[in-house]
Protein backbone atom coordinates (compact mmCIF):
# COMPACT_ATOMS: atom_id res chain seq x y z
CA UNK A 1 59.62 75.41 -70.02
CA UNK A 2 57.49 73.79 -72.69
CA UNK A 3 53.83 74.77 -72.88
CA UNK A 4 51.31 72.18 -71.80
CA UNK A 5 50.36 70.01 -74.76
CA UNK A 6 46.89 68.54 -75.07
CA UNK A 7 48.07 66.18 -77.78
CA UNK A 8 50.48 64.04 -75.77
CA UNK A 9 48.91 60.70 -74.87
CA UNK A 10 49.97 59.47 -71.41
CA UNK A 11 49.76 55.74 -70.63
CA UNK A 12 49.14 56.61 -66.95
CA UNK A 13 45.85 58.21 -68.02
CA UNK A 14 44.76 55.13 -69.96
CA UNK A 15 45.96 52.24 -67.82
CA UNK A 16 42.37 51.21 -67.06
CA UNK A 17 41.14 51.32 -70.64
CA UNK A 18 40.10 48.00 -72.18
CA UNK A 19 42.62 48.02 -75.03
CA UNK A 20 45.95 49.59 -75.93
CA UNK A 21 46.05 52.10 -78.74
CA UNK A 22 47.31 50.91 -82.13
CA UNK A 23 50.51 52.97 -81.86
CA UNK A 24 51.67 50.67 -79.03
CA UNK A 25 50.88 47.32 -80.68
CA UNK A 26 53.99 45.34 -81.63
CA UNK A 27 54.37 43.00 -84.57
CA UNK A 28 53.82 39.36 -83.68
CA UNK A 29 57.55 38.54 -83.73
CA UNK A 30 58.27 41.25 -81.14
CA UNK A 31 55.52 40.42 -78.66
CA UNK A 32 56.58 38.90 -75.34
CA UNK A 33 56.06 35.19 -74.76
CA UNK A 34 57.53 35.08 -71.23
CA UNK A 35 55.57 36.71 -68.40
CA UNK A 36 56.88 39.61 -66.31
CA UNK A 37 56.90 37.43 -63.19
CA UNK A 38 58.18 34.14 -64.65
CA UNK A 39 61.51 34.67 -62.97
CA UNK A 40 64.88 33.13 -63.72
CA UNK A 41 67.96 33.11 -61.49
CA UNK A 42 70.32 32.58 -64.46
CA UNK A 43 71.79 36.08 -64.14
CA UNK A 44 74.34 35.98 -61.29
CA UNK A 45 74.00 38.03 -58.12
CA UNK A 46 77.42 39.17 -56.89
CA UNK A 47 78.23 40.60 -53.47
CA UNK A 48 80.74 43.45 -53.54
CA UNK A 49 81.61 42.94 -49.88
CA UNK A 50 85.40 43.05 -49.69
CA UNK A 51 85.91 44.46 -53.19
CA UNK A 52 88.75 46.68 -51.94
CA UNK A 53 90.36 43.89 -49.95
CA UNK A 54 90.78 40.14 -49.82
CA UNK A 55 87.72 39.34 -51.98
CA UNK A 56 88.71 41.50 -54.94
CA UNK A 57 90.15 38.70 -57.09
CA UNK A 58 87.09 36.48 -56.56
CA UNK A 59 84.71 39.36 -57.34
CA UNK A 60 86.72 40.26 -60.44
CA UNK A 61 86.53 36.69 -61.72
CA UNK A 62 82.77 36.47 -61.14
CA UNK A 63 82.12 39.82 -62.84
CA UNK A 64 84.27 38.82 -65.82
CA UNK A 65 82.45 35.48 -66.17
CA UNK A 66 79.05 37.22 -66.05
CA UNK A 67 80.12 39.71 -68.72
CA UNK A 68 81.37 36.91 -70.96
CA UNK A 69 78.13 34.97 -70.48
CA UNK A 70 75.34 37.58 -70.38
CA UNK A 71 76.92 41.04 -70.26
CA UNK A 72 74.62 41.30 -67.26
CA UNK A 73 74.79 40.70 -63.50
CA UNK A 74 73.36 42.04 -60.25
CA UNK A 75 75.31 43.51 -57.33
CA UNK A 76 74.48 43.63 -53.64
CA UNK A 77 76.54 44.99 -50.73
CA UNK A 78 77.40 47.81 -53.10
CA UNK A 79 77.63 50.66 -50.60
CA UNK A 80 74.79 52.83 -51.92
CA UNK A 81 72.67 53.86 -48.95
CA UNK A 82 69.36 51.98 -48.90
CA UNK A 83 67.47 55.03 -47.64
CA UNK A 84 68.78 57.12 -50.53
CA UNK A 85 67.66 54.49 -53.06
CA UNK A 86 64.26 54.26 -51.35
CA UNK A 87 63.85 58.05 -51.43
CA UNK A 88 64.75 58.11 -55.12
CA UNK A 89 62.13 55.45 -55.88
CA UNK A 90 59.44 57.03 -53.70
CA UNK A 91 59.84 60.53 -55.17
CA UNK A 92 59.94 59.08 -58.68
CA UNK A 93 56.58 57.41 -58.15
CA UNK A 94 55.19 60.64 -56.73
CA UNK A 95 56.21 62.46 -59.90
CA UNK A 96 54.41 60.04 -62.20
CA UNK A 97 51.28 60.34 -60.03
CA UNK A 98 51.15 64.10 -60.69
CA UNK A 99 48.51 65.59 -63.00
CA UNK A 100 49.44 65.46 -66.67
CA UNK A 101 49.99 69.21 -66.92
CA UNK A 102 52.70 69.07 -64.23
CA UNK A 103 54.56 66.38 -66.17
CA UNK A 104 54.30 67.69 -69.72
CA UNK A 105 55.66 71.07 -68.61
CA UNK A 106 59.01 69.32 -68.95
CA UNK A 107 58.30 67.80 -72.37
CA UNK A 108 61.71 66.88 -73.82
CA UNK A 109 60.60 66.16 -77.38
CA UNK A 110 62.47 67.96 -80.12
CA UNK A 111 65.92 67.20 -78.76
CA UNK A 112 65.74 69.00 -75.40
CA UNK A 113 68.41 67.93 -72.88
CA UNK A 114 66.32 66.25 -70.23
CA UNK A 115 62.75 66.22 -68.98
CA UNK A 116 59.61 64.13 -69.47
CA UNK A 117 58.40 62.12 -72.43
CA UNK A 118 56.31 59.11 -73.39
CA UNK A 119 57.88 56.00 -74.94
CA UNK A 120 61.37 57.26 -75.89
CA UNK A 121 63.39 60.39 -76.60
CA UNK A 122 63.97 58.89 -80.07
CA UNK A 123 60.61 60.02 -81.41
CA UNK A 124 61.65 60.54 -85.02
CA UNK A 125 61.15 57.39 -87.04
CA UNK A 126 59.76 55.42 -84.12
CA UNK A 127 57.38 52.91 -85.72
CA UNK A 128 55.81 51.58 -82.50
CA UNK A 129 55.71 53.28 -79.12
CA UNK A 130 56.90 51.77 -75.84
CA UNK A 131 54.36 51.54 -73.00
CA UNK A 132 56.15 53.82 -70.56
CA UNK A 133 56.60 57.34 -69.32
CA UNK A 134 60.05 58.56 -68.38
CA UNK A 135 62.07 61.42 -66.97
CA UNK A 136 65.69 61.95 -68.04
CA UNK A 137 68.34 63.79 -66.04
CA UNK A 138 71.62 64.71 -67.71
CA UNK A 139 73.65 64.66 -64.50
CA UNK A 140 77.33 64.53 -65.53
CA UNK A 141 79.46 66.39 -66.38
CA UNK A 142 78.19 68.65 -63.60
CA UNK A 143 78.99 71.79 -65.59
CA UNK A 144 76.57 70.66 -68.29
CA UNK A 145 73.56 70.27 -65.97
CA UNK A 146 70.50 72.27 -66.94
CA UNK A 147 68.47 72.50 -63.75
CA UNK A 148 65.67 74.14 -65.70
CA UNK A 149 65.00 70.69 -67.18
CA UNK A 150 64.88 69.02 -63.72
CA UNK A 151 61.26 68.83 -62.45
CA UNK A 152 60.46 70.99 -59.43
CA UNK A 153 57.87 68.54 -58.13
CA UNK A 154 57.78 66.60 -55.93
CA UNK A 155 59.59 68.78 -53.41
CA UNK A 156 63.10 67.56 -52.65
CA UNK A 157 63.47 65.36 -55.72
CA UNK A 158 66.22 67.47 -57.30
CA UNK A 159 68.42 67.23 -54.21
CA UNK A 160 67.89 63.47 -53.99
CA UNK A 161 68.78 63.04 -57.68
CA UNK A 162 72.02 64.95 -57.11
CA UNK A 163 73.06 62.70 -54.20
CA UNK A 164 71.91 59.57 -56.02
CA UNK A 165 73.85 60.42 -59.19
CA UNK A 166 77.01 61.04 -57.15
CA UNK A 167 76.79 57.65 -55.42
CA UNK A 168 76.10 55.88 -58.72
CA UNK A 169 79.08 57.58 -60.35
CA UNK A 170 81.26 56.25 -57.52
CA UNK A 171 79.87 52.74 -57.83
CA UNK A 172 80.25 52.77 -61.62
CA UNK A 173 83.90 53.77 -61.40
CA UNK A 174 84.51 50.99 -58.88
CA UNK A 175 82.96 48.44 -61.24
CA UNK A 176 84.90 49.80 -64.23
CA UNK A 177 88.06 49.31 -62.20
CA UNK A 178 87.26 45.63 -61.67
CA UNK A 179 86.44 45.21 -65.37
CA UNK A 180 89.73 46.88 -66.34
CA UNK A 181 91.67 44.45 -64.20
CA UNK A 182 89.70 41.53 -65.66
CA UNK A 183 90.92 42.64 -69.08
CA UNK A 184 94.51 42.64 -67.84
CA UNK A 185 94.71 46.43 -67.74
CA UNK A 186 95.47 49.06 -65.12
CA UNK A 187 92.56 49.73 -62.77
CA UNK A 188 91.79 53.17 -64.22
CA UNK A 189 91.98 52.16 -67.89
CA UNK A 190 88.26 51.97 -68.69
CA UNK A 191 87.44 55.16 -66.80
CA UNK A 192 90.25 56.96 -68.64
CA UNK A 193 88.92 55.66 -71.96
CA UNK A 194 85.68 57.49 -71.18
CA UNK A 195 87.64 60.78 -70.89
CA UNK A 196 85.17 63.12 -69.11
CA UNK A 197 82.53 60.57 -68.18
CA UNK A 198 78.95 61.37 -69.08
CA UNK A 199 76.04 60.22 -66.90
CA UNK A 200 72.34 60.13 -67.68
CA UNK A 201 69.71 59.06 -65.15
CA UNK A 202 66.50 57.79 -66.76
CA UNK A 203 63.50 57.13 -64.52
CA UNK A 204 61.10 54.69 -66.20
CA UNK A 205 57.48 54.26 -65.18
CA UNK A 206 55.51 51.43 -66.73
CA UNK A 207 51.78 51.83 -65.96
CA UNK A 208 49.45 48.88 -65.70
CA UNK A 209 48.71 47.79 -69.26
CA UNK A 210 45.33 46.49 -70.45
CA UNK A 211 46.90 44.20 -73.07
CA UNK A 212 50.49 43.48 -72.02
CA UNK A 213 50.75 40.60 -74.49
CA UNK A 214 50.59 43.07 -77.40
CA UNK A 215 53.22 45.61 -76.40
CA UNK A 216 56.54 46.21 -74.65
CA UNK A 217 57.70 48.60 -71.96
CA UNK A 218 60.98 49.02 -73.83
CA UNK A 219 61.77 47.34 -77.12
CA UNK A 220 64.71 44.99 -77.53
CA UNK A 221 68.05 46.81 -77.57
CA UNK A 222 71.59 47.07 -76.30
CA UNK A 223 72.73 50.22 -74.51
CA UNK A 224 75.24 52.33 -76.44
CA UNK A 225 77.42 53.36 -73.50
CA UNK A 226 79.97 51.73 -71.22
CA UNK A 227 77.87 50.31 -68.38
CA UNK A 228 74.36 50.85 -67.04
CA UNK A 229 73.21 50.45 -63.43
CA UNK A 230 69.51 49.71 -62.96
CA UNK A 231 67.53 50.03 -59.74
CA UNK A 232 64.19 48.24 -60.09
CA UNK A 233 61.25 47.44 -57.85
CA UNK A 234 60.14 43.87 -57.17
CA UNK A 235 57.34 43.71 -59.77
CA UNK A 236 59.51 42.23 -62.50
CA UNK A 237 59.75 43.03 -66.19
CA UNK A 238 63.42 43.20 -67.20
CA UNK A 239 64.12 40.46 -69.73
CA UNK A 240 67.37 39.34 -71.32
CA UNK A 241 68.49 37.03 -74.13
CA UNK A 242 71.88 35.60 -75.02
CA UNK A 243 70.93 33.66 -78.14
CA UNK A 244 69.85 36.45 -80.46
CA UNK A 245 66.29 36.66 -79.18
CA UNK A 246 65.34 32.98 -79.60
CA UNK A 247 64.73 32.61 -75.86
CA UNK A 248 64.13 35.19 -73.17
CA UNK A 249 64.35 35.14 -69.38
CA UNK A 250 62.81 37.51 -66.85
CA UNK A 251 65.53 38.66 -64.47
CA UNK A 252 64.68 37.86 -60.85
CA UNK A 253 64.33 41.18 -58.95
CA UNK A 254 66.52 41.29 -55.82
CA UNK A 255 65.66 43.81 -53.12
CA UNK A 256 68.28 46.55 -52.88
CA UNK A 257 70.34 45.23 -55.80
CA UNK A 258 71.54 47.05 -58.88
CA UNK A 259 71.38 45.28 -62.21
CA UNK A 260 74.59 46.04 -64.11
CA UNK A 261 74.76 45.62 -67.85
CA UNK A 262 77.56 46.23 -70.29
CA UNK A 263 76.85 48.51 -73.24
CA UNK A 264 78.23 48.68 -76.77
CA UNK A 265 81.16 50.87 -75.76
CA UNK A 266 82.26 48.41 -73.08
CA UNK A 267 81.81 45.57 -75.59
CA UNK A 268 84.10 47.27 -78.09
CA UNK A 269 86.74 48.18 -75.50
CA UNK A 270 86.94 44.49 -74.53
CA UNK A 271 87.28 43.58 -78.24
CA UNK A 272 84.06 41.60 -78.00
CA UNK A 273 85.14 39.44 -75.06
CA UNK A 274 82.43 40.98 -72.87
CA UNK A 275 78.90 40.93 -74.26
CA UNK A 276 76.73 44.00 -74.65
CA UNK A 277 73.58 42.93 -72.83
CA UNK A 278 70.65 42.26 -75.16
CA UNK A 279 67.52 43.18 -73.19
CA UNK A 280 64.01 44.64 -73.12
CA UNK A 281 61.22 45.42 -70.64
CA UNK A 282 57.77 43.85 -70.56
CA UNK A 283 54.66 45.18 -68.82
CA UNK A 284 51.74 43.56 -67.05
CA UNK A 285 48.01 43.89 -66.44
CA UNK A 286 48.08 43.95 -62.64
CA UNK A 287 50.34 46.74 -61.48
CA UNK A 288 52.74 49.50 -62.47
CA UNK A 289 56.51 49.06 -62.40
CA UNK A 290 59.34 51.51 -61.72
CA UNK A 291 62.98 51.25 -62.73
CA UNK A 292 65.79 53.81 -62.62
CA UNK A 293 68.58 53.37 -65.17
CA UNK A 294 71.86 55.22 -64.73
CA UNK A 295 73.82 55.23 -67.99
CA UNK A 296 77.58 55.74 -67.76
CA UNK A 297 78.83 56.87 -71.14
CA UNK A 298 82.11 58.19 -72.53
CA UNK A 299 82.49 61.77 -73.66
CA UNK A 300 81.28 62.35 -77.25
CA UNK A 301 84.85 62.76 -78.52
CA UNK A 302 86.21 59.72 -76.65
CA UNK A 303 88.07 57.25 -78.89
CA UNK A 304 86.30 53.92 -79.38
CA UNK A 305 88.86 51.17 -79.96
CA UNK A 306 89.72 47.88 -78.20
CA UNK A 307 91.99 48.30 -75.19
CA UNK A 308 92.94 44.66 -74.89
CA UNK A 309 93.73 42.64 -78.03
CA UNK A 310 95.36 39.24 -77.68
CA UNK A 311 98.22 38.26 -79.95
CA UNK A 312 96.89 37.02 -83.28
CA UNK A 313 93.39 38.28 -82.52
CA UNK A 314 91.58 40.55 -84.97
CA UNK A 315 90.00 43.76 -83.76
CA UNK A 316 86.21 43.98 -83.60
CA UNK A 317 86.30 47.41 -85.30
CA UNK A 318 87.96 48.28 -88.58
CA UNK A 319 89.12 51.73 -87.49
CA UNK A 320 88.97 53.92 -84.39
CA UNK A 321 85.91 56.16 -84.21
CA UNK A 322 84.55 58.66 -81.70
CA UNK A 323 81.71 57.71 -79.38
CA UNK A 324 79.54 60.36 -81.05
CA UNK A 325 80.10 58.68 -84.42
CA UNK A 326 79.50 55.23 -82.92
CA UNK A 327 76.22 56.44 -81.42
CA UNK A 328 75.14 58.09 -84.68
CA UNK A 329 75.74 54.90 -86.65
CA UNK A 330 73.82 52.85 -84.07
CA UNK A 331 70.79 55.16 -84.15
CA UNK A 332 70.78 55.34 -87.95
CA UNK A 333 71.01 51.56 -88.14
CA UNK A 334 68.12 51.09 -85.70
CA UNK A 335 65.92 53.53 -87.60
CA UNK A 336 66.83 51.98 -90.95
CA UNK A 337 65.93 48.47 -89.75
CA UNK A 338 62.62 49.73 -88.33
CA UNK A 339 61.85 51.56 -91.58
CA UNK A 340 62.63 48.54 -93.76
CA UNK A 341 60.50 46.30 -91.57
CA UNK A 342 57.60 48.73 -91.79
CA UNK A 343 57.93 48.95 -95.59
CA UNK A 344 57.93 45.16 -95.89
CA UNK A 345 54.83 44.98 -93.68
CA UNK A 346 53.03 47.67 -95.70
CA UNK A 347 53.75 45.82 -98.95
CA UNK A 348 52.03 42.72 -97.58
CA UNK A 349 48.91 44.65 -96.59
């Protein structure tokens, strides 16, 4: 366990300060212009009732249309027990209410596999911090779990995370099956392309922010993996764009729903037919927000290459690569763009 650090700044300890610290202030072009609660119903809400029966074709068509349009949709009637989801959210909030020393015991900086951190696990080269605290669980493959990185408090949280991750793995595989069929493939094709599927559960806590117009809860990005399932409270803050960031919408929270978004891996497997959801999180000055993102990723050595290419259509990638290499290139590209932007800004000052 990491020793308690007195140097780690926690947004939860400063949510009632008058201003945000300079390390959290975004450049003007990155600051949010749409409020956390200015909701849009543009992202479809899809019931999964009857997915294994007579409604499967209709559900498949709606999911495919949403992935072509946004790379993003919400699902209800998904089969995940409401009490389990409520317990996961309640215990998550209890963790973030703990004293700082109980949280930073699980400091995951320096490349540790799981635990607690502020802003992002990508600390190196991060020009501006995100206004959030988070806990990461590496939950699948099961054999790779390091329970020493799973917080002991609050009591019972570990057991709930285990059950929750199992149910989300089941739901993810069901959705991947529908997406496979939408691509004209066998039901198991996308899951097989992931080889030994990896799962990471990231619990995000966005404290009340004194100047939400200056910062972000999570900067603009696409997820690197196959699909992500997000459980969020009703506060609002998830935003999405489908025009390269020119306009943003705040996704309408739906009680009990999971937001599903396609990642880069899913985008490549579809040969670009399905979008990788372009999104971010904003914060607010009235209340905290909680969201729980479950990332379903392929194994590091899984082959990244389109599974469905129409006749006469060019492939979105030049050559097959591993997911580990794809991820490395993405991270290096993100850091390079951030570095070049910072250099350009410094030259003007």
